[in-house]
Amino acid sequence: MKACPKCKSESKHRMRRKGIARLIPGSKGYACDKCNTEYTWFSIINISLKI
């Protein structure tokens, strides 16, 4: 889905992953263009979590 977990916007850009998310394969870091929330998307379970 890759939508922002805060505002549900699809507008985003890639960021570096932070913390433990760097060690998890299949995760990608994003920042929302609308609300500037940084979040990580986990492709294995198809869920977005706010950092």
PDB file of N, CA and C in Angstrom:
ATOM      1  N   MET A   1       0.826  -1.192   0.000  1.00  0.00           N
ATOM      2  CA  MET A   1       0.000   0.000   0.000  1.00  0.00           C
ATOM      3  C   MET A   1       0.869   1.253   0.000  1.00  0.00           C
ATOM      4  N   LYS A   2       1.878   1.322   0.826  1.00  0.00           N
ATOM      5  CA  LYS A   2       2.834   2.412   0.889  1.00  0.00           C
ATOM      6  C   LYS A   2       2.228   3.767   1.215  1.00  0.00           C
ATOM      7  N   ALA A   3       1.007   3.851   1.697  1.00  0.00           N
ATOM      8  CA  ALA A   3       0.379   5.122   2.046  1.00  0.00           C
ATOM      9  C   ALA A   3       0.876   5.587   3.411  1.00  0.00           C
ATOM     10  N   CYS A   4       0.844   6.894   3.608  1.00  0.00           N
ATOM     11  CA  CYS A   4       1.260   7.473   4.888  1.00  0.00           C
ATOM     12  C   CYS A   4       0.341   6.973   6.007  1.00  0.00           C
ATOM     13  N   PRO A   5       0.896   6.477   7.119  1.00  0.00           N
ATOM     14  CA  PRO A   5       0.047   5.976   8.201  1.00  0.00           C
ATOM     15  C   PRO A   5      -0.693   7.085   8.939  1.00  0.00           C
ATOM     16  N   LYS A   6      -0.255   8.323   8.793  1.00  0.00           N
ATOM     17  CA  LYS A   6      -0.886   9.444   9.501  1.00  0.00           C
ATOM     18  C   LYS A   6      -2.027  10.067   8.697  1.00  0.00           C
ATOM     19  N   CYS A   7      -1.745  10.471   7.443  1.00  0.00           N
ATOM     20  CA  CYS A   7      -2.755  11.184   6.652  1.00  0.00           C
ATOM     21  C   CYS A   7      -3.295  10.363   5.479  1.00  0.00           C
ATOM     22  N   LYS A   8      -2.771   9.158   5.261  1.00  0.00           N
ATOM     23  CA  LYS A   8      -3.192   8.233   4.198  1.00  0.00           C
ATOM     24  C   LYS A   8      -2.933   8.774   2.787  1.00  0.00           C
ATOM     25  N   SER A   9      -2.011   9.713   2.650  1.00  0.00           N
ATOM     26  CA  SER A   9      -1.660  10.270   1.348  1.00  0.00           C
ATOM     27  C   SER A   9      -0.715   9.326   0.609  1.00  0.00           C
ATOM     28  N   GLU A  10      -0.838   9.271  -0.707  1.00  0.00           N
ATOM     29  CA  GLU A  10       0.040   8.451  -1.535  1.00  0.00           C
ATOM     30  C   GLU A  10       1.261   9.238  -2.017  1.00  0.00           C
ATOM     31  N   SER A  11       1.290  10.552  -1.793  1.00  0.00           N
ATOM     32  CA  SER A  11       2.396  11.406  -2.221  1.00  0.00           C
ATOM     33  C   SER A  11       3.558  11.261  -1.246  1.00  0.00           C
ATOM     34  N   LYS A  12       4.726  10.770  -1.756  1.00  0.00           N
ATOM     35  CA  LYS A  12       5.842  10.475  -0.867  1.00  0.00           C
ATOM     36  C   LYS A  12       7.158  10.551  -1.626  1.00  0.00           C
ATOM     37  N   HIS A  13       8.267  10.521  -0.885  1.00  0.00           N
ATOM     38  CA  HIS A  13       9.588  10.380  -1.487  1.00  0.00           C
ATOM     39  C   HIS A  13      10.422   9.480  -0.589  1.00  0.00           C
ATOM     40  N   ARG A  14      11.424   8.825  -1.191  1.00  0.00           N
ATOM     41  CA  ARG A  14      12.246   7.850  -0.477  1.00  0.00           C
ATOM     42  C   ARG A  14      13.199   8.539   0.488  1.00  0.00           C
ATOM     43  N   MET A  15      13.439   7.881   1.609  1.00  0.00           N
ATOM     44  CA  MET A  15      14.373   8.351   2.633  1.00  0.00           C
ATOM     45  C   MET A  15      15.242   7.174   3.052  1.00  0.00           C
ATOM     46  N   ARG A  16      16.310   7.466   3.775  1.00  0.00           N
ATOM     47  CA  ARG A  16      17.124   6.400   4.351  1.00  0.00           C
ATOM     48  C   ARG A  16      16.368   5.784   5.517  1.00  0.00           C
ATOM     49  N   ARG A  17      16.515   4.468   5.660  1.00  0.00           N
ATOM     50  CA  ARG A  17      15.875   3.783   6.784  1.00  0.00           C
ATOM     51  C   ARG A  17      16.635   4.074   8.070  1.00  0.00           C
ATOM     52  N   LYS A  18      15.925   4.117   9.181  1.00  0.00           N
ATOM     53  CA  LYS A  18      16.533   4.425  10.472  1.00  0.00           C
ATOM     54  C   LYS A  18      16.365   3.261  11.437  1.00  0.00           C
ATOM     55  N   GLY A  19      17.277   3.173  12.376  1.00  0.00           N
ATOM     56  CA  GLY A  19      17.192   2.194  13.458  1.00  0.00           C
ATOM     57  C   GLY A  19      17.180   0.754  12.997  1.00  0.00           C
ATOM     58  N   ILE A  20      16.321  -0.019  13.613  1.00  0.00           N
ATOM     59  CA  ILE A  20      16.233  -1.452  13.369  1.00  0.00           C
ATOM     60  C   ILE A  20      15.694  -1.756  11.968  1.00  0.00           C
ATOM     61  N   ALA A  21      15.001  -0.804  11.355  1.00  0.00           N
ATOM     62  CA  ALA A  21      14.437  -1.016  10.018  1.00  0.00           C
ATOM     63  C   ALA A  21      15.528  -1.269   8.975  1.00  0.00           C
ATOM     64  N   ARG A  22      16.742  -0.785   9.222  1.00  0.00           N
ATOM     65  CA  ARG A  22      17.847  -1.022   8.282  1.00  0.00           C
ATOM     66  C   ARG A  22      18.219  -2.493   8.216  1.00  0.00           C
ATOM     67  N   LEU A  23      17.970  -3.227   9.270  1.00  0.00           N
ATOM     68  CA  LEU A  23      18.351  -4.632   9.341  1.00  0.00           C
ATOM     69  C   LEU A  23      17.287  -5.573   8.777  1.00  0.00           C
ATOM     70  N   ILE A  24      16.090  -5.083   8.572  1.00  0.00           N
ATOM     71  CA  ILE A  24      14.988  -5.919   8.098  1.00  0.00           C
ATOM     72  C   ILE A  24      14.945  -5.890   6.577  1.00  0.00           C
ATOM     73  N   PRO A  25      15.144  -7.037   5.925  1.00  0.00           N
ATOM     74  CA  PRO A  25      15.094  -7.062   4.465  1.00  0.00           C
ATOM     75  C   PRO A  25      13.672  -6.798   3.956  1.00  0.00           C
ATOM     76  N   GLY A  26      13.576  -6.078   2.862  1.00  0.00           N
ATOM     77  CA  GLY A  26      12.268  -5.783   2.281  1.00  0.00           C
ATOM     78  C   GLY A  26      11.619  -4.524   2.808  1.00  0.00           C
ATOM     79  N   SER A  27      12.261  -3.821   3.731  1.00  0.00           N
ATOM     80  CA  SER A  27      11.681  -2.583   4.252  1.00  0.00           C
ATOM     81  C   SER A  27      12.239  -1.396   3.475  1.00  0.00           C
ATOM     82  N   LYS A  28      11.409  -0.352   3.332  1.00  0.00           N
ATOM     83  CA  LYS A  28      11.804   0.852   2.610  1.00  0.00           C
ATOM     84  C   LYS A  28      11.347   2.078   3.394  1.00  0.00           C
ATOM     85  N   GLY A  29      12.211   3.096   3.444  1.00  0.00           N
ATOM     86  CA  GLY A  29      11.891   4.314   4.169  1.00  0.00           C
ATOM     87  C   GLY A  29      11.304   5.371   3.253  1.00  0.00           C
ATOM     88  N   TYR A  30      10.265   6.045   3.721  1.00  0.00           N
ATOM     89  CA  TYR A  30       9.596   7.096   2.959  1.00  0.00           C
ATOM     90  C   TYR A  30       9.313   8.286   3.863  1.00  0.00           C
ATOM     91  N   ALA A  31       9.086   9.453   3.247  1.00  0.00           N
ATOM     92  CA  ALA A  31       8.611  10.642   3.938  1.00  0.00           C
ATOM     93  C   ALA A  31       7.421  11.176   3.154  1.00  0.00           C
ATOM     94  N   CYS A  32       6.361  11.497   3.846  1.00  0.00           N
ATOM     95  CA  CYS A  32       5.140  11.999   3.218  1.00  0.00           C
ATOM     96  C   CYS A  32       5.360  13.439   2.759  1.00  0.00           C
ATOM     97  N   ASP A  33       4.928  13.757   1.544  1.00  0.00           N
ATOM     98  CA  ASP A  33       5.047  15.116   1.028  1.00  0.00           C
ATOM     99  C   ASP A  33       3.991  16.048   1.623  1.00  0.00           C
ATOM    100  N   LYS A  34       2.892  15.487   2.068  1.00  0.00           N
ATOM    101  CA  LYS A  34       1.789  16.299   2.580  1.00  0.00           C
ATOM    102  C   LYS A  34       1.976  16.703   4.047  1.00  0.00           C
ATOM    103  N   CYS A  35       2.300  15.718   4.920  1.00  0.00           N
ATOM    104  CA  CYS A  35       2.409  16.006   6.355  1.00  0.00           C
ATOM    105  C   CYS A  35       3.831  15.862   6.895  1.00  0.00           C
ATOM    106  N   ASN A  36       4.794  15.487   6.029  1.00  0.00           N
ATOM    107  CA  ASN A  36       6.213  15.365   6.373  1.00  0.00           C
ATOM    108  C   ASN A  36       6.502  14.298   7.438  1.00  0.00           C
ATOM    109  N   THR A  37       5.656  13.281   7.524  1.00  0.00           N
ATOM    110  CA  THR A  37       5.864  12.167   8.445  1.00  0.00           C
ATOM    111  C   THR A  37       6.829  11.167   7.823  1.00  0.00           C
ATOM    112  N   GLU A  38       7.820  10.738   8.586  1.00  0.00           N
ATOM    113  CA  GLU A  38       8.735   9.700   8.114  1.00  0.00           C
ATOM    114  C   GLU A  38       8.193   8.352   8.565  1.00  0.00           C
ATOM    115  N   TYR A  39       8.153   7.391   7.630  1.00  0.00           N
ATOM    116  CA  TYR A  39       7.629   6.068   7.949  1.00  0.00           C
ATOM    117  C   TYR A  39       8.379   5.009   7.161  1.00  0.00           C
ATOM    118  N   THR A  40       8.228   3.773   7.597  1.00  0.00           N
ATOM    119  CA  THR A  40       8.860   2.628   6.949  1.00  0.00           C
ATOM    120  C   THR A  40       7.777   1.698   6.447  1.00  0.00           C
ATOM    121  N   TRP A  41       7.940   1.239   5.200  1.00  0.00           N
ATOM    122  CA  TRP A  41       7.008   0.285   4.613  1.00  0.00           C
ATOM    123  C   TRP A  41       7.676  -1.068   4.572  1.00  0.00           C
ATOM    124  N   PHE A  42       6.991  -2.084   5.090  1.00  0.00           N
ATOM    125  CA  PHE A  42       7.492  -3.456   5.115  1.00  0.00           C
ATOM    126  C   PHE A  42       6.753  -4.254   4.050  1.00  0.00           C
ATOM    127  N   SER A  43       7.468  -4.604   2.972  1.00  0.00           N
ATOM    128  CA  SER A  43       6.828  -5.281   1.841  1.00  0.00           C
ATOM    129  C   SER A  43       6.386  -6.700   2.174  1.00  0.00           C
ATOM    130  N   ILE A  44       7.046  -7.334   3.119  1.00  0.00           N
ATOM    131  CA  ILE A  44       6.720  -8.718   3.466  1.00  0.00           C
ATOM    132  C   ILE A  44       5.307  -8.825   4.034  1.00  0.00           C
ATOM    133  N   ILE A  45       4.939  -7.871   4.902  1.00  0.00           N
ATOM    134  CA  ILE A  45       3.605  -7.911   5.508  1.00  0.00           C
ATOM    135  C   ILE A  45       2.702  -6.794   4.986  1.00  0.00           C
ATOM    136  N   ASN A  46       3.192  -5.981   4.027  1.00  0.00           N
ATOM    137  CA  ASN A  46       2.427  -4.910   3.394  1.00  0.00           C
ATOM    138  C   ASN A  46       1.797  -3.961   4.405  1.00  0.00           C
ATOM    139  N   ILE A  47       2.633  -3.382   5.270  1.00  0.00           N
ATOM    140  CA  ILE A  47       2.160  -2.446   6.283  1.00  0.00           C
ATOM    141  C   ILE A  47       3.140  -1.283   6.394  1.00  0.00           C
ATOM    142  N   SER A  48       2.613  -0.096   6.694  1.00  0.00           N
ATOM    143  CA  SER A  48       3.425   1.100   6.896  1.00  0.00           C
ATOM    144  C   SER A  48       3.395   1.473   8.365  1.00  0.00           C
ATOM    145  N   LEU A  49       4.572   1.743   8.935  1.00  0.00           N
ATOM    146  CA  LEU A  49       4.671   2.125  10.337  1.00  0.00           C
ATOM    147  C   LEU A  49       5.436   3.424  10.487  1.00  0.00           C
ATOM    148  N   LYS A  50       4.916   4.316  11.316  1.00  0.00           N
ATOM    149  CA  LYS A  50       5.562   5.600  11.589  1.00  0.00           C
ATOM    150  C   LYS A  50       6.816   5.375  12.433  1.00  0.00           C
ATOM    151  N   ILE A  51       7.893   6.101  12.091  1.00  0.00           N
ATOM    152  CA  ILE A  51       9.144   5.975  12.836  1.00  0.00           C
ATOM    153  C   ILE A  51       9.137   6.950  13.978  1.00  0.00           C
TER     154      ILE A  51
END
